[in-house]
Amino acid sequence: MDHESQSSNKFTRIPKYNAK
């Protein structure tokens, strides 16, 4: 579960991915 939490944080930090 730790891995998932980190992945979510990275996506939220990067607006480029969100734009997708």
PDB file of N, CA and C in Angstrom:
ATOM      1  N   MET A   1       0.855  -1.204   0.000  1.00  0.00           N
ATOM      2  CA  MET A   1       0.000   0.000   0.000  1.00  0.00           C
ATOM      3  C   MET A   1       0.889   1.252   0.000  1.00  0.00           C
ATOM      4  N   ASP A   2       2.055   1.113   0.591  1.00  0.00           N
ATOM      5  CA  ASP A   2       2.989   2.258   0.633  1.00  0.00           C
ATOM      6  C   ASP A   2       3.328   2.700  -0.795  1.00  0.00           C
ATOM      7  N   HIS A   3       3.487   1.731  -1.651  1.00  0.00           N
ATOM      8  CA  HIS A   3       3.879   2.036  -3.041  1.00  0.00           C
ATOM      9  C   HIS A   3       2.762   2.837  -3.736  1.00  0.00           C
ATOM     10  N   GLU A   4       1.549   2.448  -3.494  1.00  0.00           N
ATOM     11  CA  GLU A   4       0.416   3.132  -4.139  1.00  0.00           C
ATOM     12  C   GLU A   4       0.332   4.586  -3.670  1.00  0.00           C
ATOM     13  N   SER A   5       0.539   4.774  -2.394  1.00  0.00           N
ATOM     14  CA  SER A   5       0.470   6.134  -1.816  1.00  0.00           C
ATOM     15  C   SER A   5       1.506   7.034  -2.491  1.00  0.00           C
ATOM     16  N   GLN A   6       2.694   6.512  -2.667  1.00  0.00           N
ATOM     17  CA  GLN A   6       3.776   7.312  -3.292  1.00  0.00           C
ATOM     18  C   GLN A   6       3.410   7.618  -4.748  1.00  0.00           C
ATOM     19  N   SER A   7       2.860   6.680  -5.429  1.00  0.00           N
ATOM     20  CA  SER A   7       2.511   6.858  -6.852  1.00  0.00           C
ATOM     21  C   SER A   7       1.452   7.966  -6.979  1.00  0.00           C
ATOM     22  N   SER A   8       0.476   7.926  -6.121  1.00  0.00           N
ATOM     23  CA  SER A   8      -0.599   8.927  -6.162  1.00  0.00           C
ATOM     24  C   SER A   8      -0.019  10.321  -5.915  1.00  0.00           C
ATOM     25  N   ASN A   9       0.896  10.389  -4.973  1.00  0.00           N
ATOM     26  CA  ASN A   9       1.506  11.683  -4.637  1.00  0.00           C
ATOM     27  C   ASN A   9       2.241  12.237  -5.856  1.00  0.00           C
ATOM     28  N   LYS A  10       2.942  11.384  -6.535  1.00  0.00           N
ATOM     29  CA  LYS A  10       3.728  11.829  -7.712  1.00  0.00           C
ATOM     30  C   LYS A  10       2.771  12.376  -8.783  1.00  0.00           C
ATOM     31  N   PHE A  11       1.701  11.684  -9.039  1.00  0.00           N
ATOM     32  CA  PHE A  11       0.753  12.126 -10.077  1.00  0.00           C
ATOM     33  C   PHE A  11       0.136  13.476  -9.704  1.00  0.00           C
ATOM     34  N   THR A  12      -0.167  13.609  -8.426  1.00  0.00           N
ATOM     35  CA  THR A  12      -0.799  14.872  -7.970  1.00  0.00           C
ATOM     36  C   THR A  12       0.213  16.005  -8.049  1.00  0.00           C
ATOM     37  N   ARG A  13       1.446  15.668  -7.835  1.00  0.00           N
ATOM     38  CA  ARG A  13       2.536  16.714  -7.827  1.00  0.00           C
ATOM     39  C   ARG A  13       2.749  17.165  -9.269  1.00  0.00           C
ATOM     40  N   ILE A  14       2.651  16.259 -10.202  1.00  0.00           N
ATOM     41  CA  ILE A  14       2.913  16.627 -11.605  1.00  0.00           C
ATOM     42  C   ILE A  14       1.603  16.997 -12.328  1.00  0.00           C
ATOM     43  N   PRO A  15       1.426  18.251 -12.652  1.00  0.00           N
ATOM     44  CA  PRO A  15       0.200  18.706 -13.332  1.00  0.00           C
ATOM     45  C   PRO A  15       0.133  18.181 -14.769  1.00  0.00           C
ATOM     46  N   LYS A  16       1.277  17.857 -15.317  1.00  0.00           N
ATOM     47  CA  LYS A  16       1.320  17.331 -16.702  1.00  0.00           C
ATOM     48  C   LYS A  16       0.487  16.044 -16.792  1.00  0.00           C
ATOM     49  N   TYR A  17       0.626  15.174 -15.827  1.00  0.00           N
ATOM     50  CA  TYR A  17      -0.118  13.893 -15.868  1.00  0.00           C
ATOM     51  C   TYR A  17      -1.619  14.162 -15.701  1.00  0.00           C
ATOM     52  N   ASN A  18      -1.919  15.127 -14.862  1.00  0.00           N
ATOM     53  CA  ASN A  18      -3.326  15.445 -14.593  1.00  0.00           C
ATOM     54  C   ASN A  18      -3.988  15.962 -15.878  1.00  0.00           C
ATOM     55  N   ALA A  19      -3.234  16.685 -16.642  1.00  0.00           N
ATOM     56  CA  ALA A  19      -3.764  17.268 -17.892  1.00  0.00           C
ATOM     57  C   ALA A  19      -4.198  16.156 -18.848  1.00  0.00           C
ATOM     58  N   LYS A  20      -3.508  15.018 -18.728  1.00  0.00           N
ATOM     59  CA  LYS A  20      -3.849  13.892 -19.611  1.00  0.00           C
ATOM     60  C   LYS A  20      -5.328  13.563 -19.365  1.00  0.00           C
TER      61      LYS A  20
END
